[in-house]
C-alpha cells in the first residue's frame, strides 16, 4: 500500500501521456483501503476513464514503442482489450455504468 501511495501519478494533467501509474491501477472497487488514501483522485481517475472512452467503447494505450511497428500494432490491440475489460470492471464496481 505504501508503494502504491508513493508511486501513483498525482498530476492529473500528466495522466494521458506515457505510462504512469494511476490510482485505479491499484484499486479494484470502492471498498479498497486505498480509496480513502487517494481521496478525490479516485473520482478524478473514474472521470478520466469516462472522458477517454472512444466512440467504439475502448481506450487507446498512452504509450508507444517507437519501433517494431508490426509487433506494436498487434500488442496495441491486445492492450486495448485488456484496458477495456479492466476499466469496465472498475466503472461497474464504482456504479458508473447504467443498468
C-alpha atoms as a PDB file:
ATOM      1  CA  UNK A   1       0.000   0.000   0.000  1.00  0.00           C
ATOM      2  CA  UNK A   2       2.825   2.381   0.816  1.00  0.00           C
ATOM      3  CA  UNK A   3       4.491   1.694  -2.521  1.00  0.00           C
ATOM      4  CA  UNK A   4       1.225   2.409  -4.362  1.00  0.00           C
ATOM      5  CA  UNK A   5       0.794   5.645  -2.423  1.00  0.00           C
ATOM      6  CA  UNK A   6       4.328   6.722  -3.264  1.00  0.00           C
ATOM      7  CA  UNK A   7       4.368   5.870  -6.961  1.00  0.00           C
ATOM      8  CA  UNK A   8       0.908   6.924  -8.169  1.00  0.00           C
ATOM      9  CA  UNK A   9       0.878   9.921 -10.520  1.00  0.00           C
ATOM     10  CA  UNK A  10      -0.997  12.682  -8.716  1.00  0.00           C
ATOM     11  CA  UNK A  11      -0.718  15.241 -11.517  1.00  0.00           C
ATOM     12  CA  UNK A  12      -3.988  14.672 -13.381  1.00  0.00           C
ATOM     13  CA  UNK A  13      -2.749  16.668 -16.384  1.00  0.00           C
ATOM     14  CA  UNK A  14       0.013  14.074 -16.926  1.00  0.00           C
ATOM     15  CA  UNK A  15      -2.284  11.035 -16.996  1.00  0.00           C
ATOM     16  CA  UNK A  16      -2.791  10.958 -20.764  1.00  0.00           C
ATOM     17  CA  UNK A  17       0.889  10.877 -21.718  1.00  0.00           C
ATOM     18  CA  UNK A  18       3.181   7.896 -21.411  1.00  0.00           C
ATOM     19  CA  UNK A  19       2.827   5.124 -18.898  1.00  0.00           C
ATOM     20  CA  UNK A  20       2.069   6.406 -15.441  1.00  0.00           C
ATOM     21  CA  UNK A  21       0.537   4.505 -12.513  1.00  0.00           C
ATOM     22  CA  UNK A  22      -2.920   5.922 -11.809  1.00  0.00           C
ATOM     23  CA  UNK A  23      -4.889   5.490  -8.586  1.00  0.00           C
ATOM     24  CA  UNK A  24      -7.247   2.920 -10.129  1.00  0.00           C
ATOM     25  CA  UNK A  25      -4.295   0.781 -11.203  1.00  0.00           C
ATOM     26  CA  UNK A  26      -4.135  -0.274  -7.543  1.00  0.00           C
ATOM     27  CA  UNK A  27      -7.836  -0.302  -6.604  1.00  0.00           C
ATOM     28  CA  UNK A  28     -10.482  -2.868  -7.534  1.00  0.00           C
ATOM     29  CA  UNK A  29     -13.555  -1.256  -6.003  1.00  0.00           C
ATOM     30  CA  UNK A  30     -14.918   1.374  -3.627  1.00  0.00           C
ATOM     31  CA  UNK A  31     -14.196  -0.725  -0.512  1.00  0.00           C
ATOM     32  CA  UNK A  32     -10.459  -0.874  -1.216  1.00  0.00           C
ATOM     33  CA  UNK A  33      -8.443   0.808   1.573  1.00  0.00           C
ATOM     34  CA  UNK A  34      -6.566   2.996  -0.912  1.00  0.00           C
ATOM     35  CA  UNK A  35      -9.807   4.755  -1.883  1.00  0.00           C
ATOM     36  CA  UNK A  36      -9.666   6.716   1.326  1.00  0.00           C
ATOM     37  CA  UNK A  37      -5.942   7.388   0.964  1.00  0.00           C
ATOM     38  CA  UNK A  38      -6.266   8.707  -2.604  1.00  0.00           C
ATOM     39  CA  UNK A  39      -9.457  10.618  -1.867  1.00  0.00           C
ATOM     40  CA  UNK A  40     -10.632  12.807  -4.748  1.00  0.00           C
ATOM     41  CA  UNK A  41      -8.034  11.307  -7.096  1.00  0.00           C
ATOM     42  CA  UNK A  42     -10.225   8.194  -7.377  1.00  0.00           C
ATOM     43  CA  UNK A  43     -13.181  10.243  -8.644  1.00  0.00           C
ATOM     44  CA  UNK A  44     -10.889  12.146 -10.992  1.00  0.00           C
ATOM     45  CA  UNK A  45      -9.493   8.862 -12.285  1.00  0.00           C
ATOM     46  CA  UNK A  46     -13.011   7.496 -12.931  1.00  0.00           C
ATOM     47  CA  UNK A  47     -13.914  10.683 -14.803  1.00  0.00           C
ATOM     48  CA  UNK A  48     -10.653  10.466 -16.750  1.00  0.00           C
ATOM     49  CA  UNK A  49     -11.572   6.957 -17.909  1.00  0.00           C
ATOM     50  CA  UNK A  50     -15.059   8.102 -18.903  1.00  0.00           C
ATOM     51  CA  UNK A  51     -13.670  11.108 -20.779  1.00  0.00           C
ATOM     52  CA  UNK A  52     -11.061   8.996 -22.611  1.00  0.00           C
ATOM     53  CA  UNK A  53     -13.558   6.364 -23.781  1.00  0.00           C
ATOM     54  CA  UNK A  54     -13.555   6.224 -27.589  1.00  0.00           C
ATOM     55  CA  UNK A  55     -16.613   6.007 -29.834  1.00  0.00           C
ATOM     56  CA  UNK A  56     -16.010   2.268 -30.260  1.00  0.00           C
ATOM     57  CA  UNK A  57     -16.140   1.699 -26.487  1.00  0.00           C
ATOM     58  CA  UNK A  58     -12.435   1.138 -25.895  1.00  0.00           C
ATOM     59  CA  UNK A  59      -9.457   3.067 -24.639  1.00  0.00           C
ATOM     60  CA  UNK A  60      -6.271   3.550 -26.599  1.00  0.00           C
ATOM     61  CA  UNK A  61      -2.959   2.978 -24.904  1.00  0.00           C
ATOM     62  CA  UNK A  62      -0.971   6.036 -23.865  1.00  0.00           C
ATOM     63  CA  UNK A  63       2.447   4.706 -24.769  1.00  0.00           C
ATOM     64  CA  UNK A  64       4.319   3.887 -27.951  1.00  0.00           C
ATOM     65  CA  UNK A  65       7.223   1.562 -28.536  1.00  0.00           C
ATOM     66  CA  UNK A  66       8.797   3.770 -31.181  1.00  0.00           C
ATOM     67  CA  UNK A  67       9.950   0.698 -33.127  1.00  0.00           C
ATOM     68  CA  UNK A  68       8.831  -2.802 -34.192  1.00  0.00           C
ATOM     69  CA  UNK A  69       5.749  -1.335 -35.845  1.00  0.00           C
ATOM     70  CA  UNK A  70       4.141  -4.664 -36.804  1.00  0.00           C
ATOM     71  CA  UNK A  71       4.551  -6.216 -33.354  1.00  0.00           C
ATOM     72  CA  UNK A  72       3.462  -2.955 -31.739  1.00  0.00           C
ATOM     73  CA  UNK A  73       0.228  -2.905 -33.777  1.00  0.00           C
ATOM     74  CA  UNK A  74      -0.642  -6.399 -32.503  1.00  0.00           C
ATOM     75  CA  UNK A  75       0.318  -5.590 -28.904  1.00  0.00           C
ATOM     76  CA  UNK A  76      -1.619  -2.320 -29.056  1.00  0.00           C
ATOM     77  CA  UNK A  77      -4.832  -4.172 -29.969  1.00  0.00           C
ATOM     78  CA  UNK A  78      -4.251  -6.705 -27.212  1.00  0.00           C
ATOM     79  CA  UNK A  79      -3.629  -3.979 -24.640  1.00  0.00           C
ATOM     80  CA  UNK A  80      -6.754  -2.131 -25.734  1.00  0.00           C
ATOM     81  CA  UNK A  81      -8.722  -5.277 -24.899  1.00  0.00           C
ATOM     82  CA  UNK A  82      -7.034  -5.635 -21.519  1.00  0.00           C
ATOM     83  CA  UNK A  83      -7.733  -1.988 -20.701  1.00  0.00           C
ATOM     84  CA  UNK A  84     -11.370  -2.319 -21.771  1.00  0.00           C
ATOM     85  CA  UNK A  85     -12.045  -5.344 -19.563  1.00  0.00           C
ATOM     86  CA  UNK A  86     -10.275  -3.880 -16.535  1.00  0.00           C
ATOM     87  CA  UNK A  87     -11.776  -0.417 -16.847  1.00  0.00           C
ATOM     88  CA  UNK A  88     -15.326  -1.635 -17.437  1.00  0.00           C
ATOM     89  CA  UNK A  89     -14.982  -3.776 -14.294  1.00  0.00           C
ATOM     90  CA  UNK A  90     -13.868  -0.698 -12.343  1.00  0.00           C
ATOM     91  CA  UNK A  91     -16.615   1.512 -13.754  1.00  0.00           C
ATOM     92  CA  UNK A  92     -19.174  -1.141 -12.832  1.00  0.00           C
ATOM     93  CA  UNK A  93     -17.744  -1.580  -9.319  1.00  0.00           C
ATOM     94  CA  UNK A  94     -17.991   2.164  -8.718  1.00  0.00           C
ATOM     95  CA  UNK A  95     -21.524   2.383 -10.120  1.00  0.00           C
ATOM     96  CA  UNK A  96     -20.564   4.430 -13.181  1.00  0.00           C
ATOM     97  CA  UNK A  97     -22.355   2.216 -15.699  1.00  0.00           C
ATOM     98  CA  UNK A  98     -26.057   2.403 -16.403  1.00  0.00           C
ATOM     99  CA  UNK A  99     -28.172  -0.653 -15.844  1.00  0.00           C
END
